[in-house]
PDB file of N, CA and C in Angstrom:
ATOM      1  N   MET A   1       3.161   0.246  -9.246  1.00  0.00           N
ATOM      2  CA  MET A   1       3.577   1.589  -8.932  1.00  0.00           C
ATOM      3  C   MET A   1       2.992   2.007  -7.583  1.00  0.00           C
ATOM      4  N   ILE A   2       3.808   2.589  -6.755  1.00  0.00           N
ATOM      5  CA  ILE A   2       3.373   3.085  -5.458  1.00  0.00           C
ATOM      6  C   ILE A   2       3.361   4.607  -5.522  1.00  0.00           C
ATOM      7  N   ILE A   3       2.286   5.216  -5.041  1.00  0.00           N
ATOM      8  CA  ILE A   3       2.163   6.668  -5.032  1.00  0.00           C
ATOM      9  C   ILE A   3       2.797   7.210  -3.748  1.00  0.00           C
ATOM     10  N   ASP A   4       3.525   8.284  -3.874  1.00  0.00           N
ATOM     11  CA  ASP A   4       4.118   8.956  -2.722  1.00  0.00           C
ATOM     12  C   ASP A   4       2.992   9.423  -1.792  1.00  0.00           C
ATOM     13  N   PRO A   5       2.969   8.943  -0.547  1.00  0.00           N
ATOM     14  CA  PRO A   5       1.869   9.283   0.362  1.00  0.00           C
ATOM     15  C   PRO A   5       1.945  10.686   0.949  1.00  0.00           C
ATOM     16  N   ARG A   6       3.062  11.361   0.768  1.00  0.00           N
ATOM     17  CA  ARG A   6       3.240  12.656   1.422  1.00  0.00           C
ATOM     18  C   ARG A   6       2.250  13.722   0.960  1.00  0.00           C
ATOM     19  N   GLY A   7       1.624  13.554  -0.178  1.00  0.00           N
ATOM     20  CA  GLY A   7       0.663  14.538  -0.659  1.00  0.00           C
ATOM     21  C   GLY A   7      -0.769  14.282  -0.219  1.00  0.00           C
ATOM     22  N   PHE A   8      -0.976  13.287   0.625  1.00  0.00           N
ATOM     23  CA  PHE A   8      -2.334  12.899   1.009  1.00  0.00           C
ATOM     24  C   PHE A   8      -2.588  13.178   2.488  1.00  0.00           C
ATOM     25  N   GLN A   9      -3.791  13.656   2.777  1.00  0.00           N
ATOM     26  CA  GLN A   9      -4.152  13.986   4.155  1.00  0.00           C
ATOM     27  C   GLN A   9      -4.503  12.756   4.989  1.00  0.00           C
ATOM     28  N   ASP A  10      -5.027  11.716   4.338  1.00  0.00           N
ATOM     29  CA  ASP A  10      -5.447  10.539   5.111  1.00  0.00           C
ATOM     30  C   ASP A  10      -5.211   9.263   4.316  1.00  0.00           C
ATOM     31  N   VAL A  11      -5.219   8.181   5.028  1.00  0.00           N
ATOM     32  CA  VAL A  11      -4.889   6.883   4.444  1.00  0.00           C
ATOM     33  C   VAL A  11      -5.949   6.400   3.462  1.00  0.00           C
ATOM     34  N   THR A  12      -7.217   6.683   3.718  1.00  0.00           N
ATOM     35  CA  THR A  12      -8.245   6.191   2.801  1.00  0.00           C
ATOM     36  C   THR A  12      -8.155   6.873   1.433  1.00  0.00           C
ATOM     37  N   THR A  13      -7.832   8.147   1.413  1.00  0.00           N
ATOM     38  CA  THR A  13      -7.662   8.841   0.129  1.00  0.00           C
ATOM     39  C   THR A  13      -6.470   8.273  -0.624  1.00  0.00           C
ATOM     40  N   TRP A  14      -5.357   8.077   0.075  1.00  0.00           N
ATOM     41  CA  TRP A  14      -4.169   7.483  -0.551  1.00  0.00           C
ATOM     42  C   TRP A  14      -4.494   6.094  -1.099  1.00  0.00           C
ATOM     43  N   ALA A  15      -5.172   5.286  -0.286  1.00  0.00           N
ATOM     44  CA  ALA A  15      -5.528   3.927  -0.709  1.00  0.00           C
ATOM     45  C   ALA A  15      -6.460   3.954  -1.919  1.00  0.00           C
ATOM     46  N   ASP A  16      -7.394   4.907  -1.938  1.00  0.00           N
ATOM     47  CA  ASP A  16      -8.297   5.019  -3.085  1.00  0.00           C
ATOM     48  C   ASP A  16      -7.547   5.310  -4.388  1.00  0.00           C
ATOM     49  N   PHE A  17      -6.463   6.048  -4.303  1.00  0.00           N
ATOM     50  CA  PHE A  17      -5.644   6.305  -5.479  1.00  0.00           C
ATOM     51  C   PHE A  17      -4.770   5.098  -5.829  1.00  0.00           C
ATOM     52  N   MET A  18      -4.376   4.325  -4.830  1.00  0.00           N
ATOM     53  CA  MET A  18      -3.502   3.171  -5.047  1.00  0.00           C
ATOM     54  C   MET A  18      -4.211   2.004  -5.732  1.00  0.00           C
ATOM     55  N   VAL A  19      -5.434   1.707  -5.316  1.00  0.00           N
ATOM     56  CA  VAL A  19      -6.121   0.506  -5.807  1.00  0.00           C
ATOM     57  C   VAL A  19      -6.206   0.449  -7.331  1.00  0.00           C
ATOM     58  N   PRO A  20      -6.654   1.497  -8.025  1.00  0.00           N
ATOM     59  CA  PRO A  20      -6.712   1.390  -9.492  1.00  0.00           C
ATOM     60  C   PRO A  20      -5.346   1.151 -10.138  1.00  0.00           C
ATOM     61  N   LEU A  21      -4.315   1.729  -9.572  1.00  0.00           N
ATOM     62  CA  LEU A  21      -2.970   1.500 -10.124  1.00  0.00           C
ATOM     63  C   LEU A  21      -2.529   0.063  -9.912  1.00  0.00           C
ATOM     64  N   LEU A  22      -2.818  -0.471  -8.726  1.00  0.00           N
ATOM     65  CA  LEU A  22      -2.437  -1.851  -8.432  1.00  0.00           C
ATOM     66  C   LEU A  22      -3.234  -2.842  -9.264  1.00  0.00           C
ATOM     67  N   GLU A  23      -4.465  -2.485  -9.599  1.00  0.00           N
ATOM     68  CA  GLU A  23      -5.292  -3.393 -10.390  1.00  0.00           C
ATOM     69  C   GLU A  23      -4.783  -3.537 -11.814  1.00  0.00           C
ATOM     70  N   LYS A  24      -3.869  -2.685 -12.221  1.00  0.00           N
ATOM     71  CA  LYS A  24      -3.221  -2.876 -13.523  1.00  0.00           C
ATOM     72  C   LYS A  24      -2.327  -4.104 -13.495  1.00  0.00           C
ATOM     73  N   GLU A  25      -1.834  -4.457 -12.292  1.00  0.00           N
ATOM     74  CA  GLU A  25      -0.967  -5.630 -12.119  1.00  0.00           C
ATOM     75  C   GLU A  25      -1.776  -6.897 -11.846  1.00  0.00           C
ATOM     76  N   SER A  26      -2.886  -6.763 -11.154  1.00  0.00           N
ATOM     77  CA  SER A  26      -3.704  -7.896 -10.744  1.00  0.00           C
ATOM     78  C   SER A  26      -5.112  -7.381 -10.447  1.00  0.00           C
ATOM     79  N   ASP A  27      -6.071  -8.262 -10.357  1.00  0.00           N
ATOM     80  CA  ASP A  27      -7.451  -7.852 -10.127  1.00  0.00           C
ATOM     81  C   ASP A  27      -7.858  -7.993  -8.665  1.00  0.00           C
ATOM     82  N   ASN A  28      -8.953  -7.327  -8.346  1.00  0.00           N
ATOM     83  CA  ASN A  28      -9.659  -7.502  -7.076  1.00  0.00           C
ATOM     84  C   ASN A  28      -8.916  -7.045  -5.832  1.00  0.00           C
ATOM     85  N   PHE A  29      -8.318  -5.884  -5.879  1.00  0.00           N
ATOM     86  CA  PHE A  29      -7.723  -5.325  -4.674  1.00  0.00           C
ATOM     87  C   PHE A  29      -8.829  -4.714  -3.827  1.00  0.00           C
ATOM     88  N   PRO A  30      -8.828  -4.977  -2.525  1.00  0.00           N
ATOM     89  CA  PRO A  30      -9.892  -4.442  -1.679  1.00  0.00           C
ATOM     90  C   PRO A  30      -9.740  -2.942  -1.455  1.00  0.00           C
ATOM     91  N   ARG A  31     -10.847  -2.300  -1.240  1.00  0.00           N
ATOM     92  CA  ARG A  31     -10.867  -0.883  -0.902  1.00  0.00           C
ATOM     93  C   ARG A  31     -10.688  -0.747   0.606  1.00  0.00           C
ATOM     94  N   LEU A  32     -10.056   0.319   1.041  1.00  0.00           N
ATOM     95  CA  LEU A  32      -9.903   0.602   2.467  1.00  0.00           C
ATOM     96  C   LEU A  32     -11.040   1.523   2.886  1.00  0.00           C
ATOM     97  N   ASP A  33     -12.018   0.970   3.608  1.00  0.00           N
ATOM     98  CA  ASP A  33     -13.167   1.751   4.048  1.00  0.00           C
ATOM     99  C   ASP A  33     -13.020   2.270   5.468  1.00  0.00           C
ATOM    100  N   ASP A  34     -12.282   1.557   6.299  1.00  0.00           N
ATOM    101  CA  ASP A  34     -12.100   1.936   7.703  1.00  0.00           C
ATOM    102  C   ASP A  34     -10.636   2.312   7.922  1.00  0.00           C
ATOM    103  N   PRO A  35     -10.323   3.595   8.111  1.00  0.00           N
ATOM    104  CA  PRO A  35      -8.922   4.000   8.251  1.00  0.00           C
ATOM    105  C   PRO A  35      -8.222   3.381   9.458  1.00  0.00           C
ATOM    106  N   GLU A  36      -8.974   2.933  10.438  1.00  0.00           N
ATOM    107  CA  GLU A  36      -8.375   2.270  11.602  1.00  0.00           C
ATOM    108  C   GLU A  36      -7.816   0.891  11.243  1.00  0.00           C
ATOM    109  N   ARG A  37      -8.227   0.359  10.108  1.00  0.00           N
ATOM    110  CA  ARG A  37      -7.796  -0.981   9.696  1.00  0.00           C
ATOM    111  C   ARG A  37      -6.755  -0.929   8.577  1.00  0.00           C
ATOM    112  N   TRP A  38      -6.007   0.161   8.520  1.00  0.00           N
ATOM    113  CA  TRP A  38      -5.017   0.330   7.459  1.00  0.00           C
ATOM    114  C   TRP A  38      -3.965  -0.764   7.474  1.00  0.00           C
ATOM    115  N   GLN A  39      -3.588  -1.254   8.664  1.00  0.00           N
ATOM    116  CA  GLN A  39      -2.565  -2.307   8.724  1.00  0.00           C
ATOM    117  C   GLN A  39      -3.078  -3.603   8.106  1.00  0.00           C
ATOM    118  N   GLU A  40      -4.323  -3.951   8.389  1.00  0.00           N
ATOM    119  CA  GLU A  40      -4.907  -5.153   7.781  1.00  0.00           C
ATOM    120  C   GLU A  40      -5.002  -4.995   6.269  1.00  0.00           C
ATOM    121  N   TRP A  41      -5.439  -3.811   5.829  1.00  0.00           N
ATOM    122  CA  TRP A  41      -5.514  -3.556   4.393  1.00  0.00           C
ATOM    123  C   TRP A  41      -4.133  -3.678   3.761  1.00  0.00           C
ATOM    124  N   GLY A  42      -3.130  -3.050   4.376  1.00  0.00           N
ATOM    125  CA  GLY A  42      -1.772  -3.114   3.854  1.00  0.00           C
ATOM    126  C   GLY A  42      -1.236  -4.529   3.780  1.00  0.00           C
ATOM    127  N   ALA A  43      -1.529  -5.323   4.812  1.00  0.00           N
ATOM    128  CA  ALA A  43      -1.077  -6.716   4.816  1.00  0.00           C
ATOM    129  C   ALA A  43      -1.790  -7.526   3.733  1.00  0.00           C
ATOM    130  N   THR A  44      -3.062  -7.243   3.513  1.00  0.00           N
ATOM    131  CA  THR A  44      -3.816  -7.950   2.475  1.00  0.00           C
ATOM    132  C   THR A  44      -3.307  -7.591   1.084  1.00  0.00           C
ATOM    133  N   VAL A  45      -3.091  -6.318   0.851  1.00  0.00           N
ATOM    134  CA  VAL A  45      -2.698  -5.859  -0.480  1.00  0.00           C
ATOM    135  C   VAL A  45      -1.218  -6.110  -0.760  1.00  0.00           C
ATOM    136  N   PHE A  46      -0.360  -5.887   0.237  1.00  0.00           N
ATOM    137  CA  PHE A  46       1.083  -5.962   0.015  1.00  0.00           C
ATOM    138  C   PHE A  46       1.766  -7.080   0.795  1.00  0.00           C
ATOM    139  N   GLY A  47       0.987  -7.927   1.464  1.00  0.00           N
ATOM    140  CA  GLY A  47       1.568  -8.925   2.363  1.00  0.00           C
ATOM    141  C   GLY A  47       2.337 -10.037   1.680  1.00  0.00           C
ATOM    142  N   ASP A  48       1.950 -10.367   0.480  1.00  0.00           N
ATOM    143  CA  ASP A  48       2.660 -11.409  -0.256  1.00  0.00           C
ATOM    144  C   ASP A  48       3.791 -10.775  -1.054  1.00  0.00           C
ATOM    145  N   VAL A  49       4.664 -11.610  -1.541  1.00  0.00           N
ATOM    146  CA  VAL A  49       5.704 -11.117  -2.446  1.00  0.00           C
ATOM    147  C   VAL A  49       5.014 -10.584  -3.685  1.00  0.00           C
ATOM    148  N   ASP A  50       5.423  -9.412  -4.131  1.00  0.00           N
ATOM    149  CA  ASP A  50       4.765  -8.784  -5.276  1.00  0.00           C
ATOM    150  C   ASP A  50       5.055  -9.557  -6.571  1.00  0.00           C
ATOM    151  N   PRO A  51       4.411  -9.165  -7.656  1.00  0.00           N
ATOM    152  CA  PRO A  51       4.558  -9.905  -8.916  1.00  0.00           C
ATOM    153  C   PRO A  51       5.987 -10.008  -9.442  1.00  0.00           C
ATOM    154  N   ILE A  52       6.880  -9.125  -9.025  1.00  0.00           N
ATOM    155  CA  ILE A  52       8.256  -9.229  -9.512  1.00  0.00           C
ATOM    156  C   ILE A  52       9.206  -9.736  -8.424  1.00  0.00           C
ATOM    157  N   GLY A  53       8.632 -10.279  -7.341  1.00  0.00           N
ATOM    158  CA  GLY A  53       9.449 -10.959  -6.351  1.00  0.00           C
ATOM    159  C   GLY A  53       9.992 -10.113  -5.215  1.00  0.00           C
ATOM    160  N   GLN A  54       9.425  -8.954  -4.965  1.00  0.00           N
ATOM    161  CA  GLN A  54       9.905  -8.095  -3.893  1.00  0.00           C
ATOM    162  C   GLN A  54       8.992  -8.194  -2.678  1.00  0.00           C
ATOM    163  N   ASP A  55       9.575  -8.047  -1.510  1.00  0.00           N
ATOM    164  CA  ASP A  55       8.806  -8.003  -0.277  1.00  0.00           C
ATOM    165  C   ASP A  55       8.520  -6.559   0.092  1.00  0.00           C
ATOM    166  N   ALA A  56       7.297  -6.279   0.503  1.00  0.00           N
ATOM    167  CA  ALA A  56       6.923  -4.944   0.967  1.00  0.00           C
ATOM    168  C   ALA A  56       7.114  -4.881   2.479  1.00  0.00           C
ATOM    169  N   PRO A  57       7.310  -3.690   3.031  1.00  0.00           N
ATOM    170  CA  PRO A  57       7.426  -3.557   4.482  1.00  0.00           C
ATOM    171  C   PRO A  57       6.144  -4.038   5.179  1.00  0.00           C
ATOM    172  N   ASP A  58       6.305  -4.663   6.319  1.00  0.00           N
ATOM    173  CA  ASP A  58       5.174  -5.178   7.095  1.00  0.00           C
ATOM    174  C   ASP A  58       4.441  -4.013   7.755  1.00  0.00           C
ATOM    175  N   PRO A  59       3.166  -3.791   7.433  1.00  0.00           N
ATOM    176  CA  PRO A  59       2.452  -2.670   8.037  1.00  0.00           C
ATOM    177  C   PRO A  59       2.284  -2.803   9.548  1.00  0.00           C
ATOM    178  N   PHE A  60       2.304  -4.038  10.056  1.00  0.00           N
ATOM    179  CA  PHE A  60       2.155  -4.232  11.496  1.00  0.00           C
ATOM    180  C   PHE A  60       3.421  -3.848  12.263  1.00  0.00           C
ATOM    181  N   ALA A  61       4.486  -3.575  11.559  1.00  0.00           N
ATOM    182  CA  ALA A  61       5.716  -3.108  12.203  1.00  0.00           C
ATOM    183  C   ALA A  61       5.700  -1.587  12.379  1.00  0.00           C
ATOM    184  N   TYR A  62       4.633  -0.930  11.949  1.00  0.00           N
ATOM    185  CA  TYR A  62       4.512   0.525  12.006  1.00  0.00           C
ATOM    186  C   TYR A  62       3.255   0.916  12.777  1.00  0.00           C
ATOM    187  N   ASP A  63       3.347   1.994  13.542  1.00  0.00           N
ATOM    188  CA  ASP A  63       2.190   2.524  14.265  1.00  0.00           C
ATOM    189  C   ASP A  63       1.469   3.608  13.471  1.00  0.00           C
ATOM    190  N   ASN A  64       2.125   4.140  12.464  1.00  0.00           N
ATOM    191  CA  ASN A  64       1.598   5.255  11.702  1.00  0.00           C
ATOM    192  C   ASN A  64       1.530   4.871  10.231  1.00  0.00           C
ATOM    193  N   TRP A  65       0.368   5.046   9.619  1.00  0.00           N
ATOM    194  CA  TRP A  65       0.201   4.628   8.225  1.00  0.00           C
ATOM    195  C   TRP A  65       1.164   5.358   7.307  1.00  0.00           C
ATOM    196  N   ARG A  66       1.382   6.652   7.583  1.00  0.00           N
ATOM    197  CA  ARG A  66       2.223   7.442   6.689  1.00  0.00           C
ATOM    198  C   ARG A  66       3.674   6.960   6.707  1.00  0.00           C
ATOM    199  N   GLU A  67       4.189   6.617   7.884  1.00  0.00           N
ATOM    200  CA  GLU A  67       5.564   6.104   7.964  1.00  0.00           C
ATOM    201  C   GLU A  67       5.695   4.816   7.165  1.00  0.00           C
ATOM    202  N   TRP A  68       4.706   3.932   7.305  1.00  0.00           N
ATOM    203  CA  TRP A  68       4.723   2.679   6.548  1.00  0.00           C
ATOM    204  C   TRP A  68       4.635   2.956   5.047  1.00  0.00           C
ATOM    205  N   ALA A  69       3.704   3.824   4.646  1.00  0.00           N
ATOM    206  CA  ALA A  69       3.507   4.112   3.231  1.00  0.00           C
ATOM    207  C   ALA A  69       4.731   4.793   2.617  1.00  0.00           C
ATOM    208  N   GLU A  70       5.376   5.670   3.371  1.00  0.00           N
ATOM    209  CA  GLU A  70       6.599   6.302   2.860  1.00  0.00           C
ATOM    210  C   GLU A  70       7.705   5.274   2.689  1.00  0.00           C
ATOM    211  N   ARG A  71       7.798   4.340   3.624  1.00  0.00           N
ATOM    212  CA  ARG A  71       8.803   3.264   3.502  1.00  0.00           C
ATOM    213  C   ARG A  71       8.467   2.374   2.299  1.00  0.00           C
ATOM    214  N   LEU A  72       7.201   2.069   2.132  1.00  0.00           N
ATOM    215  CA  LEU A  72       6.756   1.281   0.981  1.00  0.00           C
ATOM    216  C   LEU A  72       7.123   1.991  -0.315  1.00  0.00           C
ATOM    217  N   PHE A  73       6.834   3.277  -0.383  1.00  0.00           N
ATOM    218  CA  PHE A  73       7.149   4.081  -1.562  1.00  0.00           C
ATOM    219  C   PHE A  73       8.655   4.094  -1.825  1.00  0.00           C
ATOM    220  N   ALA A  74       9.447   4.245  -0.769  1.00  0.00           N
ATOM    221  CA  ALA A  74      10.898   4.360  -0.917  1.00  0.00           C
ATOM    222  C   ALA A  74      11.578   3.040  -1.271  1.00  0.00           C
ATOM    223  N   THR A  75      11.004   1.916  -0.894  1.00  0.00           N
ATOM    224  CA  THR A  75      11.716   0.647  -1.023  1.00  0.00           C
ATOM    225  C   THR A  75      11.120  -0.339  -2.014  1.00  0.00           C
ATOM    226  N   THR A  76       9.945  -0.059  -2.529  1.00  0.00           N
ATOM    227  CA  THR A  76       9.274  -1.045  -3.374  1.00  0.00           C
ATOM    228  C   THR A  76       9.125  -0.528  -4.792  1.00  0.00           C
ATOM    229  N   ASN A  77       9.530  -1.346  -5.731  1.00  0.00           N
ATOM    230  CA  ASN A  77       9.413  -0.996  -7.137  1.00  0.00           C
ATOM    231  C   ASN A  77       8.532  -2.045  -7.790  1.00  0.00           C
ATOM    232  N   PHE A  78       7.273  -1.725  -7.997  1.00  0.00           N
ATOM    233  CA  PHE A  78       6.352  -2.685  -8.590  1.00  0.00           C
ATOM    234  C   PHE A  78       6.355  -2.653 -10.106  1.00  0.00           C
ATOM    235  N   GLU A  79       7.123  -1.748 -10.664  1.00  0.00           N
ATOM    236  CA  GLU A  79       7.151  -1.674 -12.123  1.00  0.00           C
ATOM    237  C   GLU A  79       8.299  -2.469 -12.728  1.00  0.00           C
ATOM    238  N   GLY A  80       9.209  -2.926 -11.914  1.00  0.00           N
ATOM    239  CA  GLY A  80      10.285  -3.744 -12.436  1.00  0.00           C
ATOM    240  C   GLY A  80      11.423  -3.040 -12.916  1.00  0.00           C
TER     241      GLY A  80
END
């Protein structure tokens, strides 16, 4: 499940809410401690094909975390 990022002021808060939800699917998702490294975090967490075979948007194709996260929210269904 991906949380709609529009209600969050910053990427680290959004990521903090995302990690526990993602850990329901798999273990050991990293925490985002440095907001400047959101693209690396996004690539680490969503870079592979998800458990149901979907590709997530490439965070390195975006300059703004919110645009990437909104695209991720709009296009990715991790619940099947």
